[in-house]
Amino acid sequence: MKLKYDFVINNVAGETVAVSVGDNDGRFNGYIKLNETGAFIFKALKKDTTRDDVINALMAEYPDATKEDAAESVDSLIEQLKRAELLV
């Protein structure tokens, strides 16, 4: 799975946001507000990957995180992105 559109992640007015860029017809119009963990997961989804690979990458980045917490964070964001039809 990966993100359907090309996104950039920036800090805007103290908030981390992802914005769709490029000339893709039907690209996502708007922005997605992310926390630090969400931004990490979102970046991992820029390339084709698996749920388990994202969980493992998150645990490597945050060694104090448990596998259950990492899985919950990944699953939550993936579900939101699926509902918004932003994953392929």
C-alpha atoms as a PDB file:
ATOM      1  CA  MET A   1       0.000   0.000   0.000  1.00  0.00           C
ATOM      2  CA  LYS A   2       1.039   3.596  -0.494  1.00  0.00           C
ATOM      3  CA  LEU A   3      -0.389   7.070  -0.694  1.00  0.00           C
ATOM      4  CA  LYS A   4      -2.524   7.701  -3.761  1.00  0.00           C
ATOM      5  CA  TYR A   5      -1.210  11.228  -4.325  1.00  0.00           C
ATOM      6  CA  ASP A   6       2.074  13.057  -3.906  1.00  0.00           C
ATOM      7  CA  PHE A   7       2.110  14.913  -0.588  1.00  0.00           C
ATOM      8  CA  VAL A   8       4.547  17.268   1.078  1.00  0.00           C
ATOM      9  CA  ILE A   9       4.711  17.602   4.835  1.00  0.00           C
ATOM     10  CA  ASN A  10       5.407  21.025   6.293  1.00  0.00           C
ATOM     11  CA  ASN A  11       5.123  22.937   9.528  1.00  0.00           C
ATOM     12  CA  VAL A  12       2.506  25.679   9.154  1.00  0.00           C
ATOM     13  CA  ALA A  13       1.761  27.998  12.054  1.00  0.00           C
ATOM     14  CA  GLY A  14       3.132  25.444  14.517  1.00  0.00           C
ATOM     15  CA  GLU A  15       1.120  22.552  13.058  1.00  0.00           C
ATOM     16  CA  THR A  16       2.448  19.669  10.954  1.00  0.00           C
ATOM     17  CA  VAL A  17       0.341  19.287   7.823  1.00  0.00           C
ATOM     18  CA  ALA A  18       0.406  17.172   4.664  1.00  0.00           C
ATOM     19  CA  VAL A  19      -0.696  18.843   1.426  1.00  0.00           C
ATOM     20  CA  SER A  20      -1.228  17.181  -1.943  1.00  0.00           C
ATOM     21  CA  VAL A  21       0.996  18.621  -4.680  1.00  0.00           C
ATOM     22  CA  GLY A  22       1.468  18.141  -8.387  1.00  0.00           C
ATOM     23  CA  ASP A  23      -0.766  18.138 -11.399  1.00  0.00           C
ATOM     24  CA  ASN A  24      -2.629  14.934 -10.609  1.00  0.00           C
ATOM     25  CA  ASP A  25      -6.226  15.103 -11.819  1.00  0.00           C
ATOM     26  CA  GLY A  26      -8.516  14.587  -8.879  1.00  0.00           C
ATOM     27  CA  ARG A  27      -5.758  15.127  -6.333  1.00  0.00           C
ATOM     28  CA  PHE A  28      -6.744  15.540  -2.726  1.00  0.00           C
ATOM     29  CA  ASN A  29      -7.861  19.124  -2.124  1.00  0.00           C
ATOM     30  CA  GLY A  30      -7.159  20.210   1.399  1.00  0.00           C
ATOM     31  CA  TYR A  31      -4.662  19.277   4.054  1.00  0.00           C
ATOM     32  CA  ILE A  32      -4.167  16.644   6.711  1.00  0.00           C
ATOM     33  CA  LYS A  33      -3.090  17.683  10.203  1.00  0.00           C
ATOM     34  CA  LEU A  34      -0.564  15.244  11.698  1.00  0.00           C
ATOM     35  CA  ASN A  35       1.138  14.758  15.029  1.00  0.00           C
ATOM     36  CA  GLU A  36       4.782  13.623  15.152  1.00  0.00           C
ATOM     37  CA  THR A  37       3.937   9.928  14.988  1.00  0.00           C
ATOM     38  CA  GLY A  38       1.384  10.476  12.233  1.00  0.00           C
ATOM     39  CA  ALA A  39       3.924  12.414  10.166  1.00  0.00           C
ATOM     40  CA  PHE A  40       6.413   9.546  10.502  1.00  0.00           C
ATOM     41  CA  ILE A  41       3.813   6.993   9.388  1.00  0.00           C
ATOM     42  CA  PHE A  42       2.620   9.265   6.574  1.00  0.00           C
ATOM     43  CA  LYS A  43       6.188   9.581   5.258  1.00  0.00           C
ATOM     44  CA  ALA A  44       6.574   5.792   5.357  1.00  0.00           C
ATOM     45  CA  LEU A  45       3.460   5.483   3.193  1.00  0.00           C
ATOM     46  CA  LYS A  46       4.963   7.626   0.413  1.00  0.00           C
ATOM     47  CA  LYS A  47       6.459   4.433  -1.015  1.00  0.00           C
ATOM     48  CA  ASP A  48       4.851   1.046  -1.497  1.00  0.00           C
ATOM     49  CA  THR A  49       5.095  -0.755   1.838  1.00  0.00           C
ATOM     50  CA  THR A  50       3.306  -3.146   4.157  1.00  0.00           C
ATOM     51  CA  ARG A  51       1.603  -2.567   7.481  1.00  0.00           C
ATOM     52  CA  ASP A  52       4.241  -4.693   9.244  1.00  0.00           C
ATOM     53  CA  ASP A  53       7.095  -2.730   7.651  1.00  0.00           C
ATOM     54  CA  VAL A  54       5.572   0.552   8.846  1.00  0.00           C
ATOM     55  CA  ILE A  55       5.112  -0.847  12.369  1.00  0.00           C
ATOM     56  CA  ASN A  56       8.721  -2.057  12.447  1.00  0.00           C
ATOM     57  CA  ALA A  57      10.002   1.288  11.160  1.00  0.00           C
ATOM     58  CA  LEU A  58       7.975   3.116  13.817  1.00  0.00           C
ATOM     59  CA  MET A  59       9.386   0.873  16.554  1.00  0.00           C
ATOM     60  CA  ALA A  60      12.925   1.474  15.266  1.00  0.00           C
ATOM     61  CA  GLU A  61      12.343   5.247  15.342  1.00  0.00           C
ATOM     62  CA  TYR A  62      10.726   5.165  18.790  1.00  0.00           C
ATOM     63  CA  PRO A  63      12.469   2.346  20.723  1.00  0.00           C
ATOM     64  CA  ASP A  64      10.331   2.908  23.839  1.00  0.00           C
ATOM     65  CA  ALA A  65       7.130   2.166  21.918  1.00  0.00           C
ATOM     66  CA  THR A  66       5.552  -1.238  22.362  1.00  0.00           C
ATOM     67  CA  LYS A  67       4.522  -3.262  19.339  1.00  0.00           C
ATOM     68  CA  GLU A  68       0.884  -2.905  20.413  1.00  0.00           C
ATOM     69  CA  ASP A  69       1.126   0.901  20.611  1.00  0.00           C
ATOM     70  CA  ALA A  70       2.919   1.081  17.250  1.00  0.00           C
ATOM     71  CA  ALA A  71       0.320  -1.179  15.632  1.00  0.00           C
ATOM     72  CA  GLU A  72      -2.523   0.884  17.078  1.00  0.00           C
ATOM     73  CA  SER A  73      -1.021   4.116  15.715  1.00  0.00           C
ATOM     74  CA  VAL A  74      -0.387   2.622  12.281  1.00  0.00           C
ATOM     75  CA  ASP A  75      -3.817   0.990  12.068  1.00  0.00           C
ATOM     76  CA  SER A  76      -5.590   4.164  13.134  1.00  0.00           C
ATOM     77  CA  LEU A  77      -3.932   6.331  10.483  1.00  0.00           C
ATOM     78  CA  ILE A  78      -4.282   3.666   7.774  1.00  0.00           C
ATOM     79  CA  GLU A  79      -8.007   3.380   8.521  1.00  0.00           C
ATOM     80  CA  GLN A  80      -8.461   7.155   8.283  1.00  0.00           C
ATOM     81  CA  LEU A  81      -6.554   7.265   4.989  1.00  0.00           C
ATOM     82  CA  LYS A  82      -8.615   4.374   3.605  1.00  0.00           C
ATOM     83  CA  ARG A  83     -11.872   6.137   4.512  1.00  0.00           C
ATOM     84  CA  ALA A  84     -10.602   9.234   2.686  1.00  0.00           C
ATOM     85  CA  GLU A  85      -9.607   7.025  -0.275  1.00  0.00           C
ATOM     86  CA  LEU A  86      -5.983   8.200  -0.078  1.00  0.00           C
ATOM     87  CA  LEU A  87      -4.295   4.773  -0.266  1.00  0.00           C
ATOM     88  CA  VAL A  88      -3.668   2.489  -3.234  1.00  0.00           C
END
